[in-house]
Amino acid sequence: MSKKYIEVGTLLVALILVWLLFVFVQNPIALIVNSVIAIVILFLLNALLGLGIPINLLTILIVAIGGIFGLLLVIILKLMKIAFV
């Protein structure tokens, strides 16, 4: 896959995450619930499926800020061997 497509895809994901963060900031309870659920799912996926995603400060911050979409981003980056390898 061309590097150009990866850059465009990353930009689109970042724009979607910024929009979602803006939506969730208007309702902070939803942001907190989404973040907690995503972190729990990250731990469960690592424990049950053995994805091998390292649990460190960067991973936790991405998942906590992005919620479920941040978790999906981390999983996609791991599976594509772009990050978290």
PDB file of N, CA and C in Angstrom:
ATOM      1  N   MET A   1       0.849  -1.171   0.000  1.00  0.00           N
ATOM      2  CA  MET A   1       0.000   0.000   0.000  1.00  0.00           C
ATOM      3  C   MET A   1       0.896   1.236   0.000  1.00  0.00           C
ATOM      4  N   SER A   2       0.483   2.219  -0.721  1.00  0.00           N
ATOM      5  CA  SER A   2       1.261   3.436  -0.852  1.00  0.00           C
ATOM      6  C   SER A   2       1.278   4.222   0.453  1.00  0.00           C
ATOM      7  N   LYS A   3       2.400   4.869   0.687  1.00  0.00           N
ATOM      8  CA  LYS A   3       2.532   5.675   1.903  1.00  0.00           C
ATOM      9  C   LYS A   3       1.552   6.847   1.883  1.00  0.00           C
ATOM     10  N   LYS A   4       1.219   7.317   0.684  1.00  0.00           N
ATOM     11  CA  LYS A   4       0.278   8.429   0.555  1.00  0.00           C
ATOM     12  C   LYS A   4      -1.095   8.051   1.108  1.00  0.00           C
ATOM     13  N   TYR A   5      -1.542   6.826   0.833  1.00  0.00           N
ATOM     14  CA  TYR A   5      -2.839   6.379   1.332  1.00  0.00           C
ATOM     15  C   TYR A   5      -2.839   6.250   2.847  1.00  0.00           C
ATOM     16  N   ILE A   6      -1.729   5.809   3.406  1.00  0.00           N
ATOM     17  CA  ILE A   6      -1.626   5.695   4.862  1.00  0.00           C
ATOM     18  C   ILE A   6      -1.705   7.074   5.500  1.00  0.00           C
ATOM     19  N   GLU A   7      -1.037   8.056   4.904  1.00  0.00           N
ATOM     20  CA  GLU A   7      -1.068   9.415   5.446  1.00  0.00           C
ATOM     21  C   GLU A   7      -2.470  10.010   5.359  1.00  0.00           C
ATOM     22  N   VAL A   8      -3.147   9.802   4.257  1.00  0.00           N
ATOM     23  CA  VAL A   8      -4.508  10.326   4.098  1.00  0.00           C
ATOM     24  C   VAL A   8      -5.445   9.632   5.082  1.00  0.00           C
ATOM     25  N   GLY A   9      -5.303   8.324   5.225  1.00  0.00           N
ATOM     26  CA  GLY A   9      -6.129   7.586   6.174  1.00  0.00           C
ATOM     27  C   GLY A   9      -5.896   8.033   7.602  1.00  0.00           C
ATOM     28  N   THR A  10      -4.635   8.266   7.955  1.00  0.00           N
ATOM     29  CA  THR A  10      -4.308   8.743   9.291  1.00  0.00           C
ATOM     30  C   THR A  10      -4.906  10.118   9.537  1.00  0.00           C
ATOM     31  N   LEU A  11      -4.850  10.976   8.543  1.00  0.00           N
ATOM     32  CA  LEU A  11      -5.439  12.315   8.666  1.00  0.00           C
ATOM     33  C   LEU A  11      -6.950  12.224   8.861  1.00  0.00           C
ATOM     34  N   LEU A  12      -7.605  11.357   8.110  1.00  0.00           N
ATOM     35  CA  LEU A  12      -9.054  11.200   8.266  1.00  0.00           C
ATOM     36  C   LEU A  12      -9.410  10.669   9.642  1.00  0.00           C
ATOM     37  N   VAL A  13      -8.659   9.700  10.133  1.00  0.00           N
ATOM     38  CA  VAL A  13      -8.908   9.159  11.468  1.00  0.00           C
ATOM     39  C   VAL A  13      -8.705  10.249  12.515  1.00  0.00           C
ATOM     40  N   ALA A  14      -7.660  11.060  12.360  1.00  0.00           N
ATOM     41  CA  ALA A  14      -7.396  12.136  13.311  1.00  0.00           C
ATOM     42  C   ALA A  14      -8.534  13.160  13.301  1.00  0.00           C
ATOM     43  N   LEU A  15      -9.039  13.503  12.142  1.00  0.00           N
ATOM     44  CA  LEU A  15     -10.147  14.454  12.058  1.00  0.00           C
ATOM     45  C   LEU A  15     -11.410  13.895  12.704  1.00  0.00           C
ATOM     46  N   ILE A  16     -11.668  12.618  12.489  1.00  0.00           N
ATOM     47  CA  ILE A  16     -12.831  11.989  13.114  1.00  0.00           C
ATOM     48  C   ILE A  16     -12.676  11.983  14.631  1.00  0.00           C
ATOM     49  N   LEU A  17     -11.472  11.677  15.114  1.00  0.00           N
ATOM     50  CA  LEU A  17     -11.236  11.668  16.556  1.00  0.00           C
ATOM     51  C   LEU A  17     -11.389  13.051  17.169  1.00  0.00           C
ATOM     52  N   VAL A  18     -10.936  14.083  16.465  1.00  0.00           N
ATOM     53  CA  VAL A  18     -11.099  15.452  16.966  1.00  0.00           C
ATOM     54  C   VAL A  18     -12.575  15.802  17.035  1.00  0.00           C
ATOM     55  N   TRP A  19     -13.327  15.429  16.019  1.00  0.00           N
ATOM     56  CA  TRP A  19     -14.764  15.705  16.021  1.00  0.00           C
ATOM     57  C   TRP A  19     -15.457  14.966  17.165  1.00  0.00           C
ATOM     58  N   LEU A  20     -15.109  13.681  17.349  1.00  0.00           N
ATOM     59  CA  LEU A  20     -15.710  12.906  18.435  1.00  0.00           C
ATOM     60  C   LEU A  20     -15.339  13.472  19.799  1.00  0.00           C
ATOM     61  N   LEU A  21     -14.103  13.903  19.949  1.00  0.00           N
ATOM     62  CA  LEU A  21     -13.683  14.501  21.212  1.00  0.00           C
ATOM     63  C   LEU A  21     -14.480  15.762  21.490  1.00  0.00           C
ATOM     64  N   PHE A  22     -14.713  16.577  20.454  1.00  0.00           N
ATOM     65  CA  PHE A  22     -15.521  17.786  20.607  1.00  0.00           C
ATOM     66  C   PHE A  22     -16.940  17.434  21.048  1.00  0.00           C
ATOM     67  N   VAL A  23     -17.505  16.392  20.459  1.00  0.00           N
ATOM     68  CA  VAL A  23     -18.859  15.969  20.821  1.00  0.00           C
ATOM     69  C   VAL A  23     -18.894  15.484  22.265  1.00  0.00           C
ATOM     70  N   PHE A  24     -17.887  14.688  22.662  1.00  0.00           N
ATOM     71  CA  PHE A  24     -17.876  14.143  24.018  1.00  0.00           C
ATOM     72  C   PHE A  24     -17.549  15.192  25.068  1.00  0.00           C
ATOM     73  N   VAL A  25     -16.815  16.232  24.719  1.00  0.00           N
ATOM     74  CA  VAL A  25     -16.486  17.272  25.694  1.00  0.00           C
ATOM     75  C   VAL A  25     -17.755  18.014  26.113  1.00  0.00           C
ATOM     76  N   GLN A  26     -18.707  18.075  25.224  1.00  0.00           N
ATOM     77  CA  GLN A  26     -19.966  18.711  25.573  1.00  0.00           C
ATOM     78  C   GLN A  26     -20.726  17.903  26.621  1.00  0.00           C
ATOM     79  N   ASN A  27     -20.433  16.613  26.707  1.00  0.00           N
ATOM     80  CA  ASN A  27     -21.048  15.745  27.708  1.00  0.00           C
ATOM     81  C   ASN A  27     -19.932  14.944  28.376  1.00  0.00           C
ATOM     82  N   PRO A  28     -19.315  15.467  29.446  1.00  0.00           N
ATOM     83  CA  PRO A  28     -18.138  14.825  30.035  1.00  0.00           C
ATOM     84  C   PRO A  28     -18.412  13.440  30.630  1.00  0.00           C
ATOM     85  N   ILE A  29     -19.630  13.184  31.064  1.00  0.00           N
ATOM     86  CA  ILE A  29     -19.944  11.858  31.611  1.00  0.00           C
ATOM     87  C   ILE A  29     -19.809  10.803  30.510  1.00  0.00           C
ATOM     88  N   ALA A  30     -20.266  11.114  29.311  1.00  0.00           N
ATOM     89  CA  ALA A  30     -20.148  10.177  28.188  1.00  0.00           C
ATOM     90  C   ALA A  30     -18.681   9.924  27.853  1.00  0.00           C
ATOM     91  N   LEU A  31     -17.847  10.951  27.923  1.00  0.00           N
ATOM     92  CA  LEU A  31     -16.418  10.797  27.657  1.00  0.00           C
ATOM     93  C   LEU A  31     -15.773   9.869  28.690  1.00  0.00           C
ATOM     94  N   ILE A  32     -16.116  10.041  29.940  1.00  0.00           N
ATOM     95  CA  ILE A  32     -15.543   9.214  31.007  1.00  0.00           C
ATOM     96  C   ILE A  32     -15.991   7.766  30.855  1.00  0.00           C
ATOM     97  N   VAL A  33     -17.256   7.550  30.603  1.00  0.00           N
ATOM     98  CA  VAL A  33     -17.776   6.185  30.444  1.00  0.00           C
ATOM     99  C   VAL A  33     -17.134   5.514  29.233  1.00  0.00           C
ATOM    100  N   ASN A  34     -17.040   6.232  28.118  1.00  0.00           N
ATOM    101  CA  ASN A  34     -16.437   5.700  26.908  1.00  0.00           C
ATOM    102  C   ASN A  34     -14.973   5.334  27.151  1.00  0.00           C
ATOM    103  N   SER A  35     -14.248   6.172  27.863  1.00  0.00           N
ATOM    104  CA  SER A  35     -12.840   5.919  28.139  1.00  0.00           C
ATOM    105  C   SER A  35     -12.653   4.700  29.037  1.00  0.00           C
ATOM    106  N   VAL A  36     -13.441   4.598  30.072  1.00  0.00           N
ATOM    107  CA  VAL A  36     -13.324   3.467  30.997  1.00  0.00           C
ATOM    108  C   VAL A  36     -13.665   2.161  30.289  1.00  0.00           C
ATOM    109  N   ILE A  37     -14.720   2.155  29.503  1.00  0.00           N
ATOM    110  CA  ILE A  37     -15.097   0.945  28.766  1.00  0.00           C
ATOM    111  C   ILE A  37     -13.990   0.535  27.801  1.00  0.00           C
ATOM    112  N   ALA A  38     -13.398   1.498  27.094  1.00  0.00           N
ATOM    113  CA  ALA A  38     -12.340   1.192  26.134  1.00  0.00           C
ATOM    114  C   ALA A  38     -11.095   0.639  26.830  1.00  0.00           C
ATOM    115  N   ILE A  39     -10.735   1.177  27.985  1.00  0.00           N
ATOM    116  CA  ILE A  39      -9.560   0.682  28.713  1.00  0.00           C
ATOM    117  C   ILE A  39      -9.809  -0.736  29.211  1.00  0.00           C
ATOM    118  N   VAL A  40     -10.999  -1.003  29.708  1.00  0.00           N
ATOM    119  CA  VAL A  40     -11.329  -2.359  30.166  1.00  0.00           C
ATOM    120  C   VAL A  40     -11.282  -3.335  28.990  1.00  0.00           C
ATOM    121  N   ILE A  41     -11.826  -2.938  27.843  1.00  0.00           N
ATOM    122  CA  ILE A  41     -11.795  -3.797  26.661  1.00  0.00           C
ATOM    123  C   ILE A  41     -10.355  -4.044  26.218  1.00  0.00           C
ATOM    124  N   LEU A  42      -9.493  -3.030  26.291  1.00  0.00           N
ATOM    125  CA  LEU A  42      -8.081  -3.206  25.936  1.00  0.00           C
ATOM    126  C   LEU A  42      -7.436  -4.271  26.811  1.00  0.00           C
ATOM    127  N   PHE A  43      -7.652  -4.203  28.115  1.00  0.00           N
ATOM    128  CA  PHE A  43      -7.091  -5.201  29.024  1.00  0.00           C
ATOM    129  C   PHE A  43      -7.656  -6.590  28.731  1.00  0.00           C
ATOM    130  N   LEU A  44      -8.956  -6.681  28.481  1.00  0.00           N
ATOM    131  CA  LEU A  44      -9.578  -7.973  28.194  1.00  0.00           C
ATOM    132  C   LEU A  44      -9.080  -8.569  26.875  1.00  0.00           C
ATOM    133  N   LEU A  45      -8.929  -7.722  25.852  1.00  0.00           N
ATOM    134  CA  LEU A  45      -8.423  -8.216  24.574  1.00  0.00           C
ATOM    135  C   LEU A  45      -7.008  -8.754  24.712  1.00  0.00           C
ATOM    136  N   ASN A  46      -6.186  -8.069  25.487  1.00  0.00           N
ATOM    137  CA  ASN A  46      -4.830  -8.548  25.693  1.00  0.00           C
ATOM    138  C   ASN A  46      -4.817  -9.845  26.492  1.00  0.00           C
ATOM    139  N   ALA A  47      -5.669  -9.941  27.493  1.00  0.00           N
ATOM    140  CA  ALA A  47      -5.671 -11.120  28.353  1.00  0.00           C
ATOM    141  C   ALA A  47      -6.304 -12.331  27.659  1.00  0.00           C
ATOM    142  N   LEU A  48      -7.425 -12.127  26.971  1.00  0.00           N
ATOM    143  CA  LEU A  48      -8.158 -13.247  26.400  1.00  0.00           C
ATOM    144  C   LEU A  48      -7.683 -13.640  24.998  1.00  0.00           C
ATOM    145  N   LEU A  49      -7.397 -12.653  24.159  1.00  0.00           N
ATOM    146  CA  LEU A  49      -7.010 -12.947  22.784  1.00  0.00           C
ATOM    147  C   LEU A  49      -5.503 -12.902  22.561  1.00  0.00           C
ATOM    148  N   GLY A  50      -4.776 -12.350  23.505  1.00  0.00           N
ATOM    149  CA  GLY A  50      -3.324 -12.281  23.374  1.00  0.00           C
ATOM    150  C   GLY A  50      -2.869 -11.434  22.204  1.00  0.00           C
ATOM    151  N   LEU A  51      -3.452 -10.260  22.042  1.00  0.00           N
ATOM    152  CA  LEU A  51      -3.065  -9.385  20.936  1.00  0.00           C
ATOM    153  C   LEU A  51      -1.634  -8.892  21.047  1.00  0.00           C
ATOM    154  N   GLY A  52      -1.116  -8.824  22.249  1.00  0.00           N
ATOM    155  CA  GLY A  52       0.263  -8.382  22.430  1.00  0.00           C
ATOM    156  C   GLY A  52       0.442  -6.878  22.333  1.00  0.00           C
ATOM    157  N   ILE A  53      -0.606  -6.129  22.566  1.00  0.00           N
ATOM    158  CA  ILE A  53      -0.488  -4.672  22.575  1.00  0.00           C
ATOM    159  C   ILE A  53       0.140  -4.278  23.901  1.00  0.00           C
ATOM    160  N   PRO A  54       1.256  -3.561  23.859  1.00  0.00           N
ATOM    161  CA  PRO A  54       1.894  -3.182  25.119  1.00  0.00           C
ATOM    162  C   PRO A  54       1.032  -2.190  25.902  1.00  0.00           C
ATOM    163  N   ILE A  55       0.906  -2.444  27.181  1.00  0.00           N
ATOM    164  CA  ILE A  55       0.155  -1.539  28.049  1.00  0.00           C
ATOM    165  C   ILE A  55       1.167  -0.574  28.653  1.00  0.00           C
ATOM    166  N   ASN A  56       1.237   0.610  28.072  1.00  0.00           N
ATOM    167  CA  ASN A  56       2.135   1.643  28.577  1.00  0.00           C
ATOM    168  C   ASN A  56       1.397   2.979  28.580  1.00  0.00           C
ATOM    169  N   LEU A  57       2.097   4.025  28.955  1.00  0.00           N
ATOM    170  CA  LEU A  57       1.458   5.334  29.084  1.00  0.00           C
ATOM    171  C   LEU A  57       0.867   5.807  27.754  1.00  0.00           C
ATOM    172  N   LEU A  58       1.577   5.618  26.662  1.00  0.00           N
ATOM    173  CA  LEU A  58       1.101   6.073  25.360  1.00  0.00           C
ATOM    174  C   LEU A  58      -0.180   5.342  24.953  1.00  0.00           C
ATOM    175  N   THR A  59      -0.187   4.038  25.118  1.00  0.00           N
ATOM    176  CA  THR A  59      -1.368   3.257  24.755  1.00  0.00           C
ATOM    177  C   THR A  59      -2.572   3.657  25.601  1.00  0.00           C
ATOM    178  N   ILE A  60      -2.359   3.789  26.885  1.00  0.00           N
ATOM    179  CA  ILE A  60      -3.459   4.166  27.780  1.00  0.00           C
ATOM    180  C   ILE A  60      -3.975   5.561  27.431  1.00  0.00           C
ATOM    181  N   LEU A  61      -3.089   6.505  27.131  1.00  0.00           N
ATOM    182  CA  LEU A  61      -3.534   7.858  26.774  1.00  0.00           C
ATOM    183  C   LEU A  61      -4.352   7.861  25.486  1.00  0.00           C
ATOM    184  N   ILE A  62      -3.898   7.116  24.482  1.00  0.00           N
ATOM    185  CA  ILE A  62      -4.636   7.065  23.219  1.00  0.00           C
ATOM    186  C   ILE A  62      -6.027   6.478  23.441  1.00  0.00           C
ATOM    187  N   VAL A  63      -6.090   5.396  24.200  1.00  0.00           N
ATOM    188  CA  VAL A  63      -7.375   4.750  24.443  1.00  0.00           C
ATOM    189  C   VAL A  63      -8.261   5.604  25.353  1.00  0.00           C
ATOM    190  N   ALA A  64      -7.673   6.245  26.353  1.00  0.00           N
ATOM    191  CA  ALA A  64      -8.468   7.070  27.263  1.00  0.00           C
ATOM    192  C   ALA A  64      -9.033   8.299  26.557  1.00  0.00           C
ATOM    193  N   ILE A  65      -8.252   8.913  25.705  1.00  0.00           N
ATOM    194  CA  ILE A  65      -8.724  10.109  24.999  1.00  0.00           C
ATOM    195  C   ILE A  65      -9.664   9.735  23.863  1.00  0.00           C
ATOM    196  N   GLY A  66      -9.309   8.698  23.116  1.00  0.00           N
ATOM    197  CA  GLY A  66     -10.111   8.319  21.958  1.00  0.00           C
ATOM    198  C   GLY A  66     -11.270   7.404  22.253  1.00  0.00           C
ATOM    199  N   GLY A  67     -11.252   6.769  23.420  1.00  0.00           N
ATOM    200  CA  GLY A  67     -12.329   5.847  23.759  1.00  0.00           C
ATOM    201  C   GLY A  67     -12.292   4.623  22.862  1.00  0.00           C
ATOM    202  N   ILE A  68     -13.455   4.192  22.431  1.00  0.00           N
ATOM    203  CA  ILE A  68     -13.559   3.008  21.579  1.00  0.00           C
ATOM    204  C   ILE A  68     -12.836   3.234  20.256  1.00  0.00           C
ATOM    205  N   PHE A  69     -12.938   4.440  19.712  1.00  0.00           N
ATOM    206  CA  PHE A  69     -12.261   4.722  18.447  1.00  0.00           C
ATOM    207  C   PHE A  69     -10.745   4.758  18.622  1.00  0.00           C
ATOM    208  N   GLY A  70     -10.284   5.214  19.751  1.00  0.00           N
ATOM    209  CA  GLY A  70      -8.860   5.156  20.056  1.00  0.00           C
ATOM    210  C   GLY A  70      -8.386   3.725  20.178  1.00  0.00           C
ATOM    211  N   LEU A  71      -9.204   2.875  20.788  1.00  0.00           N
ATOM    212  CA  LEU A  71      -8.880   1.459  20.900  1.00  0.00           C
ATOM    213  C   LEU A  71      -8.806   0.822  19.517  1.00  0.00           C
ATOM    214  N   LEU A  72      -9.766   1.126  18.659  1.00  0.00           N
ATOM    215  CA  LEU A  72      -9.740   0.603  17.295  1.00  0.00           C
ATOM    216  C   LEU A  72      -8.504   1.069  16.545  1.00  0.00           C
ATOM    217  N   LEU A  73      -8.113   2.316  16.754  1.00  0.00           N
ATOM    218  CA  LEU A  73      -6.908   2.848  16.116  1.00  0.00           C
ATOM    219  C   LEU A  73      -5.674   2.087  16.585  1.00  0.00           C
ATOM    220  N   VAL A  74      -5.562   1.831  17.877  1.00  0.00           N
ATOM    221  CA  VAL A  74      -4.425   1.094  18.417  1.00  0.00           C
ATOM    222  C   VAL A  74      -4.392  -0.318  17.852  1.00  0.00           C
ATOM    223  N   ILE A  75      -5.544  -0.973  17.780  1.00  0.00           N
ATOM    224  CA  ILE A  75      -5.597  -2.339  17.245  1.00  0.00           C
ATOM    225  C   ILE A  75      -5.220  -2.366  15.770  1.00  0.00           C
ATOM    226  N   ILE A  76      -5.732  -1.425  14.998  1.00  0.00           N
ATOM    227  CA  ILE A  76      -5.405  -1.369  13.566  1.00  0.00           C
ATOM    228  C   ILE A  76      -3.919  -1.108  13.367  1.00  0.00           C
ATOM    229  N   LEU A  77      -3.364  -0.167  14.119  1.00  0.00           N
ATOM    230  CA  LEU A  77      -1.931   0.116  13.988  1.00  0.00           C
ATOM    231  C   LEU A  77      -1.086  -1.088  14.387  1.00  0.00           C
ATOM    232  N   LYS A  78      -1.530  -1.834  15.380  1.00  0.00           N
ATOM    233  CA  LYS A  78      -0.820  -3.043  15.813  1.00  0.00           C
ATOM    234  C   LYS A  78      -0.889  -4.120  14.736  1.00  0.00           C
ATOM    235  N   LEU A  79      -2.074  -4.356  14.193  1.00  0.00           N
ATOM    236  CA  LEU A  79      -2.241  -5.402  13.197  1.00  0.00           C
ATOM    237  C   LEU A  79      -1.521  -5.064  11.884  1.00  0.00           C
ATOM    238  N   MET A  80      -1.422  -3.786  11.543  1.00  0.00           N
ATOM    239  CA  MET A  80      -0.709  -3.376  10.332  1.00  0.00           C
ATOM    240  C   MET A  80       0.794  -3.249  10.582  1.00  0.00           C
ATOM    241  N   LYS A  81       1.211  -3.480  11.814  1.00  0.00           N
ATOM    242  CA  LYS A  81       2.613  -3.410  12.222  1.00  0.00           C
ATOM    243  C   LYS A  81       3.228  -2.038  11.940  1.00  0.00           C
ATOM    244  N   ILE A  82       2.417  -0.999  12.146  1.00  0.00           N
ATOM    245  CA  ILE A  82       2.905   0.376  12.012  1.00  0.00           C
ATOM    246  C   ILE A  82       3.388   0.882  13.353  1.00  0.00           C
ATOM    247  N   ALA A  83       2.698   0.508  14.418  1.00  0.00           N
ATOM    248  CA  ALA A  83       3.075   0.934  15.765  1.00  0.00           C
ATOM    249  C   ALA A  83       2.764  -0.193  16.729  1.00  0.00           C
ATOM    250  N   PHE A  84       3.288  -0.097  17.932  1.00  0.00           N
ATOM    251  CA  PHE A  84       3.038  -1.036  19.014  1.00  0.00           C
ATOM    252  C   PHE A  84       3.512  -2.450  18.674  1.00  0.00           C
ATOM    253  N   VAL A  85       4.613  -2.538  17.950  1.00  0.00           N
ATOM    254  CA  VAL A  85       5.169  -3.859  17.585  1.00  0.00           C
ATOM    255  C   VAL A  85       6.288  -4.241  18.526  1.00  0.00           C
TER     256      VAL A  85
END
